[in-house]
Amino acid sequence: MTLLKGKVIFLTGGSTGIGYECAKLYIKEGAKVIIADNKGISEVIKELGDEHLGIACDVSKASDVKSAIDKTLQQYGRMDAIHNNAGIPGPSKALHETTEKEWNCVININLKSVYHTIRYGFEALKETSGSILNTSSLVGEIGQSIHAVYTASKGGMNALTKSMALDYAKYNIRVNAVCPAAVWTPMLRRWCAEQPNSVGIEKRMDEIHALGYCPESDVIADVCAFLLSDKARFITGCIIPVSGGAELGYRR
């Protein structure tokens, strides 16, 4: 299968969870993948193959992102897509309980990182008429109790996706976002354990989806691969729920 044949994809947060499944599928579909992450890089690249690139990168730091993109262009000579996938859940708190340090950490990783990747990667994408994909969340559209800063970061990402799509359409650069509800990743497992109602929360994760189950990360990767491919060449500015119908209203 060659849905992404010849494409060079810069992927943040690709060493685990949704990003890891995306990296594997992108490679299966013919792409070269650059994983920019602050952990697990060597192990993942050892598995994926040394024709791909792993770069230690704190996406909240402009200098790290610039260096990672410079290395990408030095090695591959082009960049066809940026997938802004890196993110953290943040504290389970209402806004007034959230510390300034917690606020800045979540916003810098989940949202400001997009500013960094596009600031330093835009010219390369312009040369290839490339595409941008953001991993957002359904809660950025519908809200979520006791997760003020996380929902703010994802709501901001959704609005930013639409503005970027308008700004960059004249360069034939497409910009979209995927919005899962819940997906079984190591991050979600940790989040579940931290919740005040942790007993029975796995059942709750199944119940919020109209299709009746909480999926694994591969269902998100399938949509991401399509959106970065030429099959999606007339899709831009879309905030796409990949959420098993959760956006229609929780079943309970």
C-alpha atoms as a PDB file:
ATOM      1  CA  MET A   1       0.000   0.000   0.000  1.00  0.00           C
ATOM      2  CA  THR A   2       1.382   3.414  -0.961  1.00  0.00           C
ATOM      3  CA  LEU A   3      -1.129   6.006   0.164  1.00  0.00           C
ATOM      4  CA  LEU A   4       1.752   8.205   1.350  1.00  0.00           C
ATOM      5  CA  LYS A   5       4.487   7.053  -1.030  1.00  0.00           C
ATOM      6  CA  GLY A   6       7.464   9.399  -1.096  1.00  0.00           C
ATOM      7  CA  LYS A   7       6.118  11.796   1.524  1.00  0.00           C
ATOM      8  CA  VAL A   8       8.303  13.091   4.347  1.00  0.00           C
ATOM      9  CA  ILE A   9       6.238  13.554   7.493  1.00  0.00           C
ATOM     10  CA  PHE A  10       7.380  15.450  10.595  1.00  0.00           C
ATOM     11  CA  LEU A  11       5.504  14.014  13.575  1.00  0.00           C
ATOM     12  CA  THR A  12       5.627  15.350  17.112  1.00  0.00           C
ATOM     13  CA  GLY A  13       4.959  13.053  20.048  1.00  0.00           C
ATOM     14  CA  GLY A  14       5.372   9.918  17.977  1.00  0.00           C
ATOM     15  CA  SER A  15       6.951   7.537  20.451  1.00  0.00           C
ATOM     16  CA  THR A  16       3.747   6.329  22.101  1.00  0.00           C
ATOM     17  CA  GLY A  17      -0.035   6.273  21.815  1.00  0.00           C
ATOM     18  CA  ILE A  18      -1.729   7.820  18.788  1.00  0.00           C
ATOM     19  CA  GLY A  19       1.547   9.198  17.431  1.00  0.00           C
ATOM     20  CA  TYR A  20       3.228   5.812  17.556  1.00  0.00           C
ATOM     21  CA  GLU A  21       0.366   4.147  15.659  1.00  0.00           C
ATOM     22  CA  CYS A  22       0.426   6.978  13.119  1.00  0.00           C
ATOM     23  CA  ALA A  23       4.178   6.568  12.609  1.00  0.00           C
ATOM     24  CA  LYS A  24       3.799   2.840  11.929  1.00  0.00           C
ATOM     25  CA  LEU A  25       0.955   3.365   9.475  1.00  0.00           C
ATOM     26  CA  TYR A  26       2.645   6.269   7.680  1.00  0.00           C
ATOM     27  CA  ILE A  27       5.668   4.046   7.103  1.00  0.00           C
ATOM     28  CA  LYS A  28       3.502   1.162   5.948  1.00  0.00           C
ATOM     29  CA  GLU A  29       1.923   3.545   3.448  1.00  0.00           C
ATOM     30  CA  GLY A  30       5.303   4.535   2.005  1.00  0.00           C
ATOM     31  CA  ALA A  31       6.334   7.645   3.948  1.00  0.00           C
ATOM     32  CA  LYS A  32       9.569   8.621   5.615  1.00  0.00           C
ATOM     33  CA  VAL A  33       8.802   9.652   9.189  1.00  0.00           C
ATOM     34  CA  ILE A  34      10.619  12.007  11.530  1.00  0.00           C
ATOM     35  CA  ILE A  35       9.599  11.575  15.155  1.00  0.00           C
ATOM     36  CA  ALA A  36      10.249  14.594  17.363  1.00  0.00           C
ATOM     37  CA  ASP A  37       9.709  13.625  20.983  1.00  0.00           C
ATOM     38  CA  ASN A  38      11.345  14.018  24.368  1.00  0.00           C
ATOM     39  CA  LYS A  39      11.293  10.331  25.264  1.00  0.00           C
ATOM     40  CA  GLY A  40      11.528   6.842  23.794  1.00  0.00           C
ATOM     41  CA  ILE A  41      13.156   7.935  20.549  1.00  0.00           C
ATOM     42  CA  SER A  42      15.932   5.354  20.185  1.00  0.00           C
ATOM     43  CA  GLU A  43      13.658   2.392  20.937  1.00  0.00           C
ATOM     44  CA  VAL A  44      11.034   3.496  18.424  1.00  0.00           C
ATOM     45  CA  ILE A  45      13.515   4.180  15.617  1.00  0.00           C
ATOM     46  CA  LYS A  46      15.182   0.837  16.262  1.00  0.00           C
ATOM     47  CA  GLU A  47      11.798  -0.750  15.630  1.00  0.00           C
ATOM     48  CA  LEU A  48      10.774   1.429  12.683  1.00  0.00           C
ATOM     49  CA  GLY A  49      14.102   1.353  10.841  1.00  0.00           C
ATOM     50  CA  ASP A  50      17.056   3.668  10.429  1.00  0.00           C
ATOM     51  CA  GLU A  51      15.734   5.146   7.172  1.00  0.00           C
ATOM     52  CA  HIS A  52      13.492   7.139   9.501  1.00  0.00           C
ATOM     53  CA  LEU A  53      14.654   9.785  11.925  1.00  0.00           C
ATOM     54  CA  GLY A  54      14.189  10.248  15.657  1.00  0.00           C
ATOM     55  CA  ILE A  55      15.044  13.594  17.216  1.00  0.00           C
ATOM     56  CA  ALA A  56      15.005  14.423  20.914  1.00  0.00           C
ATOM     57  CA  CYS A  57      12.811  17.494  21.068  1.00  0.00           C
ATOM     58  CA  ASP A  58      10.873  19.444  23.671  1.00  0.00           C
ATOM     59  CA  VAL A  59       8.094  20.875  21.495  1.00  0.00           C
ATOM     60  CA  SER A  60       7.469  23.702  23.962  1.00  0.00           C
ATOM     61  CA  LYS A  61      10.939  25.104  23.171  1.00  0.00           C
ATOM     62  CA  ALA A  62      11.390  27.039  19.955  1.00  0.00           C
ATOM     63  CA  SER A  63      15.093  26.206  19.691  1.00  0.00           C
ATOM     64  CA  ASP A  64      14.415  22.463  19.923  1.00  0.00           C
ATOM     65  CA  VAL A  65      11.750  22.570  17.220  1.00  0.00           C
ATOM     66  CA  LYS A  66      13.863  24.711  14.896  1.00  0.00           C
ATOM     67  CA  SER A  67      16.779  22.314  15.304  1.00  0.00           C
ATOM     68  CA  ALA A  68      14.563  19.293  14.630  1.00  0.00           C
ATOM     69  CA  ILE A  69      13.143  20.782  11.448  1.00  0.00           C
ATOM     70  CA  ASP A  70      16.611  21.855  10.279  1.00  0.00           C
ATOM     71  CA  LYS A  71      17.835  18.264  10.765  1.00  0.00           C
ATOM     72  CA  THR A  72      14.842  16.944   8.852  1.00  0.00           C
ATOM     73  CA  LEU A  73      15.550  19.162   5.867  1.00  0.00           C
ATOM     74  CA  GLN A  74      19.261  18.392   5.969  1.00  0.00           C
ATOM     75  CA  GLN A  75      18.606  14.659   5.842  1.00  0.00           C
ATOM     76  CA  TYR A  76      15.644  14.472   3.464  1.00  0.00           C
ATOM     77  CA  GLY A  77      15.776  17.755   1.563  1.00  0.00           C
ATOM     78  CA  ARG A  78      12.026  18.303   1.811  1.00  0.00           C
ATOM     79  CA  MET A  79       9.032  18.079   4.112  1.00  0.00           C
ATOM     80  CA  ASP A  80       5.543  17.202   2.912  1.00  0.00           C
ATOM     81  CA  ALA A  81       3.582  17.274   6.146  1.00  0.00           C
ATOM     82  CA  ILE A  82       3.666  18.328   9.759  1.00  0.00           C
ATOM     83  CA  HIS A  83       1.549  16.342  12.174  1.00  0.00           C
ATOM     84  CA  ASN A  84       1.228  18.214  15.464  1.00  0.00           C
ATOM     85  CA  ASN A  85       0.413  15.306  17.729  1.00  0.00           C
ATOM     86  CA  ALA A  86       2.335  15.979  20.950  1.00  0.00           C
ATOM     87  CA  GLY A  87       0.130  16.722  23.924  1.00  0.00           C
ATOM     88  CA  ILE A  88      -0.425  16.230  27.636  1.00  0.00           C
ATOM     89  CA  PRO A  89      -3.696  15.938  29.571  1.00  0.00           C
ATOM     90  CA  GLY A  90      -2.974  18.521  32.224  1.00  0.00           C
ATOM     91  CA  PRO A  91      -4.379  18.679  35.750  1.00  0.00           C
ATOM     92  CA  SER A  92      -7.907  17.548  36.598  1.00  0.00           C
ATOM     93  CA  LYS A  93      -8.906  20.970  37.904  1.00  0.00           C
ATOM     94  CA  ALA A  94     -11.321  23.817  37.366  1.00  0.00           C
ATOM     95  CA  LEU A  95      -9.798  27.056  36.117  1.00  0.00           C
ATOM     96  CA  HIS A  96      -9.527  28.800  39.508  1.00  0.00           C
ATOM     97  CA  GLU A  97      -7.678  25.778  40.937  1.00  0.00           C
ATOM     98  CA  THR A  98      -5.159  25.631  38.087  1.00  0.00           C
ATOM     99  CA  THR A  99      -1.748  27.089  38.873  1.00  0.00           C
ATOM    100  CA  GLU A 100       0.013  29.397  36.466  1.00  0.00           C
ATOM    101  CA  LYS A 101       2.766  26.797  36.066  1.00  0.00           C
ATOM    102  CA  GLU A 102       0.212  24.121  35.136  1.00  0.00           C
ATOM    103  CA  TRP A 103      -1.519  26.487  32.711  1.00  0.00           C
ATOM    104  CA  ASN A 104       1.719  27.444  30.967  1.00  0.00           C
ATOM    105  CA  CYS A 105       2.933  23.850  30.732  1.00  0.00           C
ATOM    106  CA  VAL A 106      -0.226  22.576  29.031  1.00  0.00           C
ATOM    107  CA  ILE A 107      -0.620  25.557  26.704  1.00  0.00           C
ATOM    108  CA  ASN A 108       3.048  25.498  25.707  1.00  0.00           C
ATOM    109  CA  ILE A 109       3.021  21.796  24.834  1.00  0.00           C
ATOM    110  CA  ASN A 110      -0.475  21.421  23.407  1.00  0.00           C
ATOM    111  CA  LEU A 111      -0.887  24.727  21.587  1.00  0.00           C
ATOM    112  CA  LYS A 112       2.247  26.838  21.400  1.00  0.00           C
ATOM    113  CA  SER A 113       4.080  23.859  19.916  1.00  0.00           C
ATOM    114  CA  VAL A 114       1.945  24.320  16.782  1.00  0.00           C
ATOM    115  CA  TYR A 115       3.231  27.870  16.515  1.00  0.00           C
ATOM    116  CA  HIS A 116       6.795  26.571  16.723  1.00  0.00           C
ATOM    117  CA  THR A 117       6.450  23.825  14.088  1.00  0.00           C
ATOM    118  CA  ILE A 118       4.697  26.072  11.588  1.00  0.00           C
ATOM    119  CA  ARG A 119       6.957  29.047  12.195  1.00  0.00           C
ATOM    120  CA  TYR A 120      10.007  26.967  11.317  1.00  0.00           C
ATOM    121  CA  GLY A 121       8.406  24.529   8.877  1.00  0.00           C
ATOM    122  CA  PHE A 122       6.190  26.775   6.794  1.00  0.00           C
ATOM    123  CA  GLU A 123       8.682  27.550   4.020  1.00  0.00           C
ATOM    124  CA  ALA A 124       9.371  23.857   3.490  1.00  0.00           C
ATOM    125  CA  LEU A 125       5.656  23.080   3.301  1.00  0.00           C
ATOM    126  CA  LYS A 126       5.156  25.914   0.839  1.00  0.00           C
ATOM    127  CA  GLU A 127       7.699  24.330  -1.505  1.00  0.00           C
ATOM    128  CA  THR A 128       5.880  20.978  -1.486  1.00  0.00           C
ATOM    129  CA  SER A 129       2.268  22.246  -1.255  1.00  0.00           C
ATOM    130  CA  GLY A 130       2.228  20.180   1.885  1.00  0.00           C
ATOM    131  CA  SER A 131      -0.318  19.624   4.612  1.00  0.00           C
ATOM    132  CA  ILE A 132      -0.711  20.159   8.336  1.00  0.00           C
ATOM    133  CA  LEU A 133      -2.585  17.895  10.700  1.00  0.00           C
ATOM    134  CA  ASN A 134      -3.357  18.642  14.339  1.00  0.00           C
ATOM    135  CA  THR A 135      -4.338  16.034  16.921  1.00  0.00           C
ATOM    136  CA  SER A 136      -7.037  17.765  18.901  1.00  0.00           C
ATOM    137  CA  SER A 137      -9.839  16.402  21.082  1.00  0.00           C
ATOM    138  CA  LEU A 138     -13.613  16.330  21.082  1.00  0.00           C
ATOM    139  CA  VAL A 139     -13.572  18.196  24.411  1.00  0.00           C
ATOM    140  CA  GLY A 140     -12.157  21.184  22.559  1.00  0.00           C
ATOM    141  CA  GLU A 141     -15.582  21.401  20.938  1.00  0.00           C
ATOM    142  CA  ILE A 142     -17.955  20.310  23.731  1.00  0.00           C
ATOM    143  CA  GLY A 143     -16.024  21.100  26.917  1.00  0.00           C
ATOM    144  CA  GLN A 144     -15.262  18.880  29.900  1.00  0.00           C
ATOM    145  CA  SER A 145     -15.636  19.394  33.631  1.00  0.00           C
ATOM    146  CA  ILE A 146     -12.533  19.817  35.812  1.00  0.00           C
ATOM    147  CA  HIS A 147     -10.219  20.037  32.768  1.00  0.00           C
ATOM    148  CA  ALA A 148     -10.171  23.758  32.090  1.00  0.00           C
ATOM    149  CA  VAL A 149      -6.686  24.221  30.685  1.00  0.00           C
ATOM    150  CA  TYR A 150      -6.768  21.052  28.568  1.00  0.00           C
ATOM    151  CA  THR A 151     -10.056  22.009  26.929  1.00  0.00           C
ATOM    152  CA  ALA A 152      -8.745  25.547  26.405  1.00  0.00           C
ATOM    153  CA  SER A 153      -5.672  24.195  24.627  1.00  0.00           C
ATOM    154  CA  LYS A 154      -7.716  21.965  22.324  1.00  0.00           C
ATOM    155  CA  GLY A 155     -10.392  24.564  21.694  1.00  0.00           C
ATOM    156  CA  GLY A 156      -7.620  26.943  20.726  1.00  0.00           C
ATOM    157  CA  MET A 157      -6.153  24.317  18.431  1.00  0.00           C
ATOM    158  CA  ASN A 158      -9.487  23.855  16.679  1.00  0.00           C
ATOM    159  CA  ALA A 159      -9.933  27.586  16.060  1.00  0.00           C
ATOM    160  CA  LEU A 160      -6.298  27.859  14.981  1.00  0.00           C
ATOM    161  CA  THR A 161      -6.747  24.993  12.515  1.00  0.00           C
ATOM    162  CA  LYS A 162      -9.510  26.907  10.728  1.00  0.00           C
ATOM    163  CA  SER A 163      -7.551  30.154  10.640  1.00  0.00           C
ATOM    164  CA  MET A 164      -4.449  28.401   9.330  1.00  0.00           C
ATOM    165  CA  ALA A 165      -6.514  26.714   6.626  1.00  0.00           C
ATOM    166  CA  LEU A 166      -7.697  30.125   5.425  1.00  0.00           C
ATOM    167  CA  ASP A 167      -4.253  31.709   5.625  1.00  0.00           C
ATOM    168  CA  TYR A 168      -2.439  28.895   3.836  1.00  0.00           C
ATOM    169  CA  ALA A 169      -4.960  27.891   1.164  1.00  0.00           C
ATOM    170  CA  LYS A 170      -3.315  30.289  -1.287  1.00  0.00           C
ATOM    171  CA  TYR A 171      -0.161  28.186  -0.982  1.00  0.00           C
ATOM    172  CA  ASN A 172      -2.166  24.985  -1.535  1.00  0.00           C
ATOM    173  CA  ILE A 173      -1.326  23.902   2.018  1.00  0.00           C
ATOM    174  CA  ARG A 174      -4.178  22.017   3.656  1.00  0.00           C
ATOM    175  CA  VAL A 175      -4.800  22.171   7.414  1.00  0.00           C
ATOM    176  CA  ASN A 176      -7.084  19.820   9.346  1.00  0.00           C
ATOM    177  CA  ALA A 177      -7.573  18.433  12.837  1.00  0.00           C
ATOM    178  CA  VAL A 178      -8.741  15.088  14.181  1.00  0.00           C
ATOM    179  CA  CYS A 179     -10.792  14.986  17.370  1.00  0.00           C
ATOM    180  CA  PRO A 180     -10.926  11.698  19.262  1.00  0.00           C
ATOM    181  CA  ALA A 181     -13.152  11.378  22.312  1.00  0.00           C
ATOM    182  CA  ALA A 182     -11.297   8.731  24.322  1.00  0.00           C
ATOM    183  CA  VAL A 183      -8.624   6.392  22.973  1.00  0.00           C
ATOM    184  CA  TRP A 184      -6.786   3.710  24.938  1.00  0.00           C
ATOM    185  CA  THR A 185      -3.264   5.055  25.149  1.00  0.00           C
ATOM    186  CA  PRO A 186      -0.747   4.947  28.001  1.00  0.00           C
ATOM    187  CA  MET A 187      -1.655   8.589  28.687  1.00  0.00           C
ATOM    188  CA  LEU A 188      -5.361   7.760  29.014  1.00  0.00           C
ATOM    189  CA  ARG A 189      -4.576   4.846  31.337  1.00  0.00           C
ATOM    190  CA  ARG A 190      -2.629   7.198  33.610  1.00  0.00           C
ATOM    191  CA  TRP A 191      -5.402   9.782  33.420  1.00  0.00           C
ATOM    192  CA  CYS A 192      -8.042   7.227  34.407  1.00  0.00           C
ATOM    193  CA  ALA A 193      -6.047   6.212  37.481  1.00  0.00           C
ATOM    194  CA  GLU A 194      -5.823   9.855  38.590  1.00  0.00           C
ATOM    195  CA  GLN A 195      -9.556  10.600  38.405  1.00  0.00           C
ATOM    196  CA  PRO A 196     -11.645  10.883  41.587  1.00  0.00           C
ATOM    197  CA  ASN A 197     -14.118   8.351  40.130  1.00  0.00           C
ATOM    198  CA  SER A 198     -11.469   5.907  38.930  1.00  0.00           C
ATOM    199  CA  VAL A 199     -13.541   2.863  39.933  1.00  0.00           C
ATOM    200  CA  GLY A 200     -15.590   1.866  36.908  1.00  0.00           C
ATOM    201  CA  ILE A 201     -14.076   4.518  34.657  1.00  0.00           C
ATOM    202  CA  GLU A 202     -13.084   1.988  31.982  1.00  0.00           C
ATOM    203  CA  LYS A 203     -16.754   1.086  31.606  1.00  0.00           C
ATOM    204  CA  ARG A 204     -17.524   4.795  31.382  1.00  0.00           C
ATOM    205  CA  MET A 205     -14.977   5.179  28.579  1.00  0.00           C
ATOM    206  CA  ASP A 206     -16.879   2.551  26.596  1.00  0.00           C
ATOM    207  CA  GLU A 207     -20.256   4.093  27.312  1.00  0.00           C
ATOM    208  CA  ILE A 208     -19.510   7.612  26.060  1.00  0.00           C
ATOM    209  CA  HIS A 209     -19.126   6.283  22.514  1.00  0.00           C
ATOM    210  CA  ALA A 210     -22.310   5.588  20.553  1.00  0.00           C
ATOM    211  CA  LEU A 211     -20.595   2.587  18.946  1.00  0.00           C
ATOM    212  CA  GLY A 212     -20.203   1.120  22.416  1.00  0.00           C
ATOM    213  CA  TYR A 213     -16.475   0.849  22.971  1.00  0.00           C
ATOM    214  CA  CYS A 214     -13.381   2.922  23.561  1.00  0.00           C
ATOM    215  CA  PRO A 215     -10.989   2.260  20.662  1.00  0.00           C
ATOM    216  CA  GLU A 216      -7.273   1.718  20.342  1.00  0.00           C
ATOM    217  CA  SER A 217      -5.066   4.275  18.607  1.00  0.00           C
ATOM    218  CA  ASP A 218      -5.089   2.576  15.210  1.00  0.00           C
ATOM    219  CA  VAL A 219      -8.578   3.924  14.423  1.00  0.00           C
ATOM    220  CA  ILE A 220      -7.212   7.462  14.685  1.00  0.00           C
ATOM    221  CA  ALA A 221      -4.136   6.615  12.617  1.00  0.00           C
ATOM    222  CA  ASP A 222      -6.320   5.382   9.746  1.00  0.00           C
ATOM    223  CA  VAL A 223      -8.015   8.772   9.469  1.00  0.00           C
ATOM    224  CA  CYS A 224      -4.753  10.671   9.868  1.00  0.00           C
ATOM    225  CA  ALA A 225      -3.125   8.752   7.009  1.00  0.00           C
ATOM    226  CA  PHE A 226      -6.066   9.565   4.762  1.00  0.00           C
ATOM    227  CA  LEU A 227      -5.991  13.269   5.637  1.00  0.00           C
ATOM    228  CA  LEU A 228      -2.282  13.537   4.841  1.00  0.00           C
ATOM    229  CA  SER A 229      -2.715  11.718   1.539  1.00  0.00           C
ATOM    230  CA  ASP A 230      -3.665  13.067  -1.860  1.00  0.00           C
ATOM    231  CA  LYS A 231      -7.016  11.315  -1.467  1.00  0.00           C
ATOM    232  CA  ALA A 232      -7.928  14.208   0.852  1.00  0.00           C
ATOM    233  CA  ARG A 233      -6.663  16.856  -1.551  1.00  0.00           C
ATOM    234  CA  PHE A 234      -9.888  18.943  -1.347  1.00  0.00           C
ATOM    235  CA  ILE A 235     -10.334  18.758   2.430  1.00  0.00           C
ATOM    236  CA  THR A 236      -9.106  21.668   4.518  1.00  0.00           C
ATOM    237  CA  GLY A 237     -10.181  23.559   7.614  1.00  0.00           C
ATOM    238  CA  CYS A 238     -12.060  20.552   8.974  1.00  0.00           C
ATOM    239  CA  ILE A 239     -12.319  19.545  12.623  1.00  0.00           C
ATOM    240  CA  ILE A 240     -13.033  15.856  12.168  1.00  0.00           C
ATOM    241  CA  PRO A 241     -14.481  13.826  15.048  1.00  0.00           C
ATOM    242  CA  VAL A 242     -13.079  10.301  15.159  1.00  0.00           C
ATOM    243  CA  SER A 243     -15.078   9.475  18.211  1.00  0.00           C
ATOM    244  CA  GLY A 244     -17.515   6.660  17.611  1.00  0.00           C
ATOM    245  CA  GLY A 245     -20.458   9.058  17.752  1.00  0.00           C
ATOM    246  CA  ALA A 246     -19.607  10.554  21.155  1.00  0.00           C
ATOM    247  CA  GLU A 247     -20.278  14.018  19.757  1.00  0.00           C
ATOM    248  CA  LEU A 248     -23.938  13.048  19.264  1.00  0.00           C
ATOM    249  CA  GLY A 249     -24.409  12.961  23.032  1.00  0.00           C
ATOM    250  CA  TYR A 250     -23.202  10.543  25.661  1.00  0.00           C
ATOM    251  CA  ARG A 251     -25.411   7.476  25.844  1.00  0.00           C
ATOM    252  CA  ARG A 252     -25.525   7.752  29.651  1.00  0.00           C
END
